[in-house]
Amino acid sequence: MFDNMTNLEILKLLLPLIILQVGLSLYCVVDILKKGVRNLNKVLWMLIVLFVNTLGPIIYLMAGRKRWEDD
């Protein structure tokens, strides 16, 4: 699939996904530090967000995020 593409072309193709991944991870880490978490402790959620690629932040937003009604 990528046989005829240069490394620069592949990077240009993947750059939007890389930016989305980094942005989502940073948002989740800042949210964890500012608002707190549910279900697990902060350190564990940060490890999940940072090392489980795209699924980690999505799982955090669905299951670990402290919502305003939880205060």
PDB file of N, CA and C in Angstrom:
ATOM      1  N   MET A   1       0.822  -1.190   0.000  1.00  0.00           N
ATOM      2  CA  MET A   1       0.000   0.000   0.000  1.00  0.00           C
ATOM      3  C   MET A   1       0.866   1.254   0.000  1.00  0.00           C
ATOM      4  N   PHE A   2       1.905   1.273   0.826  1.00  0.00           N
ATOM      5  CA  PHE A   2       2.779   2.429   0.898  1.00  0.00           C
ATOM      6  C   PHE A   2       4.056   2.236   0.092  1.00  0.00           C
ATOM      7  N   ASP A   3       4.077   1.274  -0.804  1.00  0.00           N
ATOM      8  CA  ASP A   3       5.293   0.936  -1.544  1.00  0.00           C
ATOM      9  C   ASP A   3       5.807   2.086  -2.401  1.00  0.00           C
ATOM     10  N   ASN A   4       4.925   2.817  -3.035  1.00  0.00           N
ATOM     11  CA  ASN A   4       5.332   3.883  -3.946  1.00  0.00           C
ATOM     12  C   ASN A   4       5.382   5.248  -3.282  1.00  0.00           C
ATOM     13  N   MET A   5       5.220   5.304  -1.965  1.00  0.00           N
ATOM     14  CA  MET A   5       5.198   6.580  -1.259  1.00  0.00           C
ATOM     15  C   MET A   5       6.520   6.810  -0.534  1.00  0.00           C
ATOM     16  N   THR A   6       6.934   8.065  -0.491  1.00  0.00           N
ATOM     17  CA  THR A   6       8.132   8.410   0.270  1.00  0.00           C
ATOM     18  C   THR A   6       7.770   8.548   1.738  1.00  0.00           C
ATOM     19  N   ASN A   7       8.779   8.608   2.580  1.00  0.00           N
ATOM     20  CA  ASN A   7       8.540   8.771   4.014  1.00  0.00           C
ATOM     21  C   ASN A   7       7.816  10.084   4.307  1.00  0.00           C
ATOM     22  N   LEU A   8       8.149  11.134   3.578  1.00  0.00           N
ATOM     23  CA  LEU A   8       7.496  12.422   3.777  1.00  0.00           C
ATOM     24  C   LEU A   8       6.015  12.352   3.421  1.00  0.00           C
ATOM     25  N   GLU A   9       5.678  11.661   2.364  1.00  0.00           N
ATOM     26  CA  GLU A   9       4.271  11.515   1.975  1.00  0.00           C
ATOM     27  C   GLU A   9       3.493  10.714   3.010  1.00  0.00           C
ATOM     28  N   ILE A  10       4.110   9.685   3.553  1.00  0.00           N
ATOM     29  CA  ILE A  10       3.456   8.894   4.597  1.00  0.00           C
ATOM     30  C   ILE A  10       3.247   9.739   5.845  1.00  0.00           C
ATOM     31  N   LEU A  11       4.248  10.543   6.201  1.00  0.00           N
ATOM     32  CA  LEU A  11       4.121  11.425   7.365  1.00  0.00           C
ATOM     33  C   LEU A  11       2.999  12.440   7.160  1.00  0.00           C
ATOM     34  N   LYS A  12       2.906  13.013   5.977  1.00  0.00           N
ATOM     35  CA  LYS A  12       1.826  13.960   5.678  1.00  0.00           C
ATOM     36  C   LYS A  12       0.457  13.290   5.780  1.00  0.00           C
ATOM     37  N   LEU A  13       0.396  12.035   5.391  1.00  0.00           N
ATOM     38  CA  LEU A  13      -0.852  11.288   5.455  1.00  0.00           C
ATOM     39  C   LEU A  13      -1.275  11.014   6.896  1.00  0.00           C
ATOM     40  N   LEU A  14      -0.306  10.700   7.749  1.00  0.00           N
ATOM     41  CA  LEU A  14      -0.598  10.337   9.139  1.00  0.00           C
ATOM     42  C   LEU A  14      -0.611  11.518  10.097  1.00  0.00           C
ATOM     43  N   LEU A  15      -0.139  12.678   9.672  1.00  0.00           N
ATOM     44  CA  LEU A  15      -0.030  13.828  10.566  1.00  0.00           C
ATOM     45  C   LEU A  15      -1.354  14.234  11.239  1.00  0.00           C
ATOM     46  N   PRO A  16      -2.473  14.275  10.537  1.00  0.00           N
ATOM     47  CA  PRO A  16      -3.734  14.614  11.235  1.00  0.00           C
ATOM     48  C   PRO A  16      -4.072  13.629  12.361  1.00  0.00           C
ATOM     49  N   LEU A  17      -3.812  12.354  12.161  1.00  0.00           N
ATOM     50  CA  LEU A  17      -4.079  11.367  13.212  1.00  0.00           C
ATOM     51  C   LEU A  17      -3.135  11.542  14.400  1.00  0.00           C
ATOM     52  N   ILE A  18      -1.887  11.870  14.112  1.00  0.00           N
ATOM     53  CA  ILE A  18      -0.910  12.094  15.180  1.00  0.00           C
ATOM     54  C   ILE A  18      -1.310  13.315  15.997  1.00  0.00           C
ATOM     55  N   ILE A  19      -1.704  14.390  15.325  1.00  0.00           N
ATOM     56  CA  ILE A  19      -2.119  15.616  16.023  1.00  0.00           C
ATOM     57  C   ILE A  19      -3.363  15.348  16.869  1.00  0.00           C
ATOM     58  N   LEU A  20      -4.322  14.601  16.333  1.00  0.00           N
ATOM     59  CA  LEU A  20      -5.527  14.258  17.088  1.00  0.00           C
ATOM     60  C   LEU A  20      -5.182  13.437  18.324  1.00  0.00           C
ATOM     61  N   GLN A  21      -4.308  12.465  18.193  1.00  0.00           N
ATOM     62  CA  GLN A  21      -3.909  11.612  19.308  1.00  0.00           C
ATOM     63  C   GLN A  21      -3.228  12.424  20.409  1.00  0.00           C
ATOM     64  N   VAL A  22      -2.277  13.259  20.024  1.00  0.00           N
ATOM     65  CA  VAL A  22      -1.540  14.066  21.012  1.00  0.00           C
ATOM     66  C   VAL A  22      -2.476  15.070  21.672  1.00  0.00           C
ATOM     67  N   GLY A  23      -3.325  15.718  20.889  1.00  0.00           N
ATOM     68  CA  GLY A  23      -4.264  16.696  21.446  1.00  0.00           C
ATOM     69  C   GLY A  23      -5.254  16.066  22.417  1.00  0.00           C
ATOM     70  N   LEU A  24      -5.794  14.925  22.063  1.00  0.00           N
ATOM     71  CA  LEU A  24      -6.740  14.225  22.933  1.00  0.00           C
ATOM     72  C   LEU A  24      -6.066  13.767  24.221  1.00  0.00           C
ATOM     73  N   SER A  25      -4.857  13.264  24.119  1.00  0.00           N
ATOM     74  CA  SER A  25      -4.119  12.833  25.309  1.00  0.00           C
ATOM     75  C   SER A  25      -3.813  14.014  26.227  1.00  0.00           C
ATOM     76  N   LEU A  26      -3.363  15.128  25.646  1.00  0.00           N
ATOM     77  CA  LEU A  26      -3.073  16.312  26.458  1.00  0.00           C
ATOM     78  C   LEU A  26      -4.331  16.849  27.142  1.00  0.00           C
ATOM     79  N   TYR A  27      -5.441  16.880  26.401  1.00  0.00           N
ATOM     80  CA  TYR A  27      -6.697  17.333  27.000  1.00  0.00           C
ATOM     81  C   TYR A  27      -7.072  16.459  28.200  1.00  0.00           C
ATOM     82  N   CYS A  28      -6.953  15.160  28.040  1.00  0.00           N
ATOM     83  CA  CYS A  28      -7.319  14.243  29.119  1.00  0.00           C
ATOM     84  C   CYS A  28      -6.390  14.382  30.320  1.00  0.00           C
ATOM     85  N   VAL A  29      -5.095  14.539  30.087  1.00  0.00           N
ATOM     86  CA  VAL A  29      -4.154  14.696  31.204  1.00  0.00           C
ATOM     87  C   VAL A  29      -4.455  15.984  31.971  1.00  0.00           C
ATOM     88  N   VAL A  30      -4.709  17.084  31.263  1.00  0.00           N
ATOM     89  CA  VAL A  30      -5.045  18.345  31.928  1.00  0.00           C
ATOM     90  C   VAL A  30      -6.358  18.203  32.693  1.00  0.00           C
ATOM     91  N   ASP A  31      -7.328  17.527  32.114  1.00  0.00           N
ATOM     92  CA  ASP A  31      -8.615  17.307  32.773  1.00  0.00           C
ATOM     93  C   ASP A  31      -8.442  16.472  34.040  1.00  0.00           C
ATOM     94  N   ILE A  32      -7.597  15.470  33.980  1.00  0.00           N
ATOM     95  CA  ILE A  32      -7.332  14.627  35.158  1.00  0.00           C
ATOM     96  C   ILE A  32      -6.722  15.460  36.274  1.00  0.00           C
ATOM     97  N   LEU A  33      -5.756  16.297  35.932  1.00  0.00           N
ATOM     98  CA  LEU A  33      -5.070  17.096  36.950  1.00  0.00           C
ATOM     99  C   LEU A  33      -5.961  18.184  37.540  1.00  0.00           C
ATOM    100  N   LYS A  34      -6.835  18.785  36.736  1.00  0.00           N
ATOM    101  CA  LYS A  34      -7.673  19.889  37.213  1.00  0.00           C
ATOM    102  C   LYS A  34      -8.940  19.420  37.932  1.00  0.00           C
ATOM    103  N   LYS A  35      -9.652  18.465  37.352  1.00  0.00           N
ATOM    104  CA  LYS A  35     -10.976  18.102  37.855  1.00  0.00           C
ATOM    105  C   LYS A  35     -11.015  16.849  38.706  1.00  0.00           C
ATOM    106  N   GLY A  36     -10.019  15.997  38.607  1.00  0.00           N
ATOM    107  CA  GLY A  36     -10.056  14.735  39.324  1.00  0.00           C
ATOM    108  C   GLY A  36     -10.690  13.635  38.495  1.00  0.00           C
ATOM    109  N   VAL A  37     -10.809  12.461  39.087  1.00  0.00           N
ATOM    110  CA  VAL A  37     -11.279  11.293  38.351  1.00  0.00           C
ATOM    111  C   VAL A  37     -12.286  10.494  39.167  1.00  0.00           C
ATOM    112  N   ARG A  38     -12.933   9.552  38.470  1.00  0.00           N
ATOM    113  CA  ARG A  38     -13.794   8.571  39.117  1.00  0.00           C
ATOM    114  C   ARG A  38     -13.179   7.201  38.925  1.00  0.00           C
ATOM    115  N   ASN A  39     -13.576   6.254  39.714  1.00  0.00           N
ATOM    116  CA  ASN A  39     -13.294   4.823  39.566  1.00  0.00           C
ATOM    117  C   ASN A  39     -11.863   4.394  39.872  1.00  0.00           C
ATOM    118  N   LEU A  40     -10.841   5.109  39.439  1.00  0.00           N
ATOM    119  CA  LEU A  40      -9.449   4.763  39.699  1.00  0.00           C
ATOM    120  C   LEU A  40      -8.722   6.009  40.204  1.00  0.00           C
ATOM    121  N   ASN A  41      -7.451   5.858  40.564  1.00  0.00           N
ATOM    122  CA  ASN A  41      -6.723   7.050  40.996  1.00  0.00           C
ATOM    123  C   ASN A  41      -6.132   7.792  39.800  1.00  0.00           C
ATOM    124  N   LYS A  42      -5.648   9.019  40.048  1.00  0.00           N
ATOM    125  CA  LYS A  42      -5.160   9.878  38.966  1.00  0.00           C
ATOM    126  C   LYS A  42      -3.983   9.266  38.216  1.00  0.00           C
ATOM    127  N   VAL A  43      -3.044   8.694  38.943  1.00  0.00           N
ATOM    128  CA  VAL A  43      -1.844   8.150  38.302  1.00  0.00           C
ATOM    129  C   VAL A  43      -2.212   7.023  37.338  1.00  0.00           C
ATOM    130  N   LEU A  44      -3.090   6.145  37.759  1.00  0.00           N
ATOM    131  CA  LEU A  44      -3.487   5.037  36.900  1.00  0.00           C
ATOM    132  C   LEU A  44      -4.205   5.525  35.648  1.00  0.00           C
ATOM    133  N   TRP A  45      -5.087   6.520  35.804  1.00  0.00           N
ATOM    134  CA  TRP A  45      -5.780   7.059  34.631  1.00  0.00           C
ATOM    135  C   TRP A  45      -4.799   7.736  33.681  1.00  0.00           C
ATOM    136  N   MET A  46      -3.803   8.444  34.220  1.00  0.00           N
ATOM    137  CA  MET A  46      -2.830   9.090  33.343  1.00  0.00           C
ATOM    138  C   MET A  46      -2.008   8.055  32.580  1.00  0.00           C
ATOM    139  N   LEU A  47      -1.664   6.946  33.224  1.00  0.00           N
ATOM    140  CA  LEU A  47      -0.944   5.883  32.532  1.00  0.00           C
ATOM    141  C   LEU A  47      -1.793   5.271  31.418  1.00  0.00           C
ATOM    142  N   ILE A  48      -3.073   5.065  31.701  1.00  0.00           N
ATOM    143  CA  ILE A  48      -3.984   4.526  30.685  1.00  0.00           C
ATOM    144  C   ILE A  48      -4.096   5.490  29.507  1.00  0.00           C
ATOM    145  N   VAL A  49      -4.282   6.766  29.803  1.00  0.00           N
ATOM    146  CA  VAL A  49      -4.433   7.769  28.742  1.00  0.00           C
ATOM    147  C   VAL A  49      -3.174   7.864  27.888  1.00  0.00           C
ATOM    148  N   LEU A  50      -2.012   7.822  28.515  1.00  0.00           N
ATOM    149  CA  LEU A  50      -0.770   8.030  27.778  1.00  0.00           C
ATOM    150  C   LEU A  50      -0.271   6.792  27.041  1.00  0.00           C
ATOM    151  N   PHE A  51      -0.561   5.601  27.550  1.00  0.00           N
ATOM    152  CA  PHE A  51       0.042   4.411  26.966  1.00  0.00           C
ATOM    153  C   PHE A  51      -0.919   3.481  26.231  1.00  0.00           C
ATOM    154  N   VAL A  52      -2.209   3.770  26.245  1.00  0.00           N
ATOM    155  CA  VAL A  52      -3.161   2.922  25.526  1.00  0.00           C
ATOM    156  C   VAL A  52      -3.659   3.663  24.274  1.00  0.00           C
ATOM    157  N   ASN A  53      -2.788   4.456  23.707  1.00  0.00           N
ATOM    158  CA  ASN A  53      -3.036   5.189  22.469  1.00  0.00           C
ATOM    159  C   ASN A  53      -4.432   5.791  22.389  1.00  0.00           C
ATOM    160  N   THR A  54      -5.160   5.589  21.325  1.00  0.00           N
ATOM    161  CA  THR A  54      -6.439   6.274  21.125  1.00  0.00           C
ATOM    162  C   THR A  54      -7.530   5.766  22.061  1.00  0.00           C
ATOM    163  N   LEU A  55      -7.529   4.519  22.392  1.00  0.00           N
ATOM    164  CA  LEU A  55      -8.572   3.973  23.262  1.00  0.00           C
ATOM    165  C   LEU A  55      -8.463   4.481  24.704  1.00  0.00           C
ATOM    166  N   GLY A  56      -7.268   4.740  25.182  1.00  0.00           N
ATOM    167  CA  GLY A  56      -7.084   5.212  26.555  1.00  0.00           C
ATOM    168  C   GLY A  56      -7.846   6.500  26.847  1.00  0.00           C
ATOM    169  N   PRO A  57      -7.650   7.561  26.051  1.00  0.00           N
ATOM    170  CA  PRO A  57      -8.414   8.787  26.274  1.00  0.00           C
ATOM    171  C   PRO A  57      -9.923   8.607  26.121  1.00  0.00           C
ATOM    172  N   ILE A  58     -10.337   7.780  25.170  1.00  0.00           N
ATOM    173  CA  ILE A  58     -11.773   7.551  24.972  1.00  0.00           C
ATOM    174  C   ILE A  58     -12.359   6.829  26.180  1.00  0.00           C
ATOM    175  N   ILE A  59     -11.661   5.831  26.691  1.00  0.00           N
ATOM    176  CA  ILE A  59     -12.129   5.115  27.887  1.00  0.00           C
ATOM    177  C   ILE A  59     -12.195   6.058  29.078  1.00  0.00           C
ATOM    178  N   TYR A  60     -11.169   6.905  29.217  1.00  0.00           N
ATOM    179  CA  TYR A  60     -11.190   7.882  30.320  1.00  0.00           C
ATOM    180  C   TYR A  60     -12.399   8.811  30.210  1.00  0.00           C
ATOM    181  N   LEU A  61     -12.647   9.348  29.014  1.00  0.00           N
ATOM    182  CA  LEU A  61     -13.765  10.278  28.848  1.00  0.00           C
ATOM    183  C   LEU A  61     -15.108   9.609  29.117  1.00  0.00           C
ATOM    184  N   MET A  62     -15.212   8.313  28.852  1.00  0.00           N
ATOM    185  CA  MET A  62     -16.474   7.608  29.073  1.00  0.00           C
ATOM    186  C   MET A  62     -16.629   7.120  30.512  1.00  0.00           C
ATOM    187  N   ALA A  63     -15.557   6.637  31.129  1.00  0.00           N
ATOM    188  CA  ALA A  63     -15.702   5.962  32.416  1.00  0.00           C
ATOM    189  C   ALA A  63     -14.998   6.649  33.579  1.00  0.00           C
ATOM    190  N   GLY A  64     -13.974   7.438  33.319  1.00  0.00           N
ATOM    191  CA  GLY A  64     -13.187   7.955  34.421  1.00  0.00           C
ATOM    192  C   GLY A  64     -13.331   9.422  34.705  1.00  0.00           C
ATOM    193  N   ARG A  65     -13.942  10.134  33.807  1.00  0.00           N
ATOM    194  CA  ARG A  65     -14.059  11.583  33.957  1.00  0.00           C
ATOM    195  C   ARG A  65     -15.017  11.937  35.076  1.00  0.00           C
ATOM    196  N   LYS A  66     -14.577  12.850  35.909  1.00  0.00           N
ATOM    197  CA  LYS A  66     -15.438  13.322  36.992  1.00  0.00           C
ATOM    198  C   LYS A  66     -16.404  14.342  36.411  1.00  0.00           C
ATOM    199  N   ARG A  67     -17.672  14.061  36.490  1.00  0.00           N
ATOM    200  CA  ARG A  67     -18.676  14.936  35.919  1.00  0.00           C
ATOM    201  C   ARG A  67     -19.123  15.966  36.947  1.00  0.00           C
ATOM    202  N   TRP A  68     -19.775  17.015  36.485  1.00  0.00           N
ATOM    203  CA  TRP A  68     -20.166  18.085  37.397  1.00  0.00           C
ATOM    204  C   TRP A  68     -21.177  17.632  38.422  1.00  0.00           C
ATOM    205  N   GLU A  69     -22.000  16.623  38.130  1.00  0.00           N
ATOM    206  CA  GLU A  69     -22.976  16.151  39.119  1.00  0.00           C
ATOM    207  C   GLU A  69     -22.330  15.272  40.196  1.00  0.00           C
ATOM    208  N   ASP A  70     -21.057  14.854  39.987  1.00  0.00           N
ATOM    209  CA  ASP A  70     -20.364  14.029  40.971  1.00  0.00           C
ATOM    210  C   ASP A  70     -19.774  14.860  42.114  1.00  0.00           C
ATOM    211  N   ASP A  71     -19.736  16.171  41.980  1.00  0.00           N
ATOM    212  CA  ASP A  71     -19.106  17.021  43.012  1.00  0.00           C
ATOM    213  C   ASP A  71     -19.781  16.978  44.325  1.00  0.00           C
TER     214      ASP A  71
END
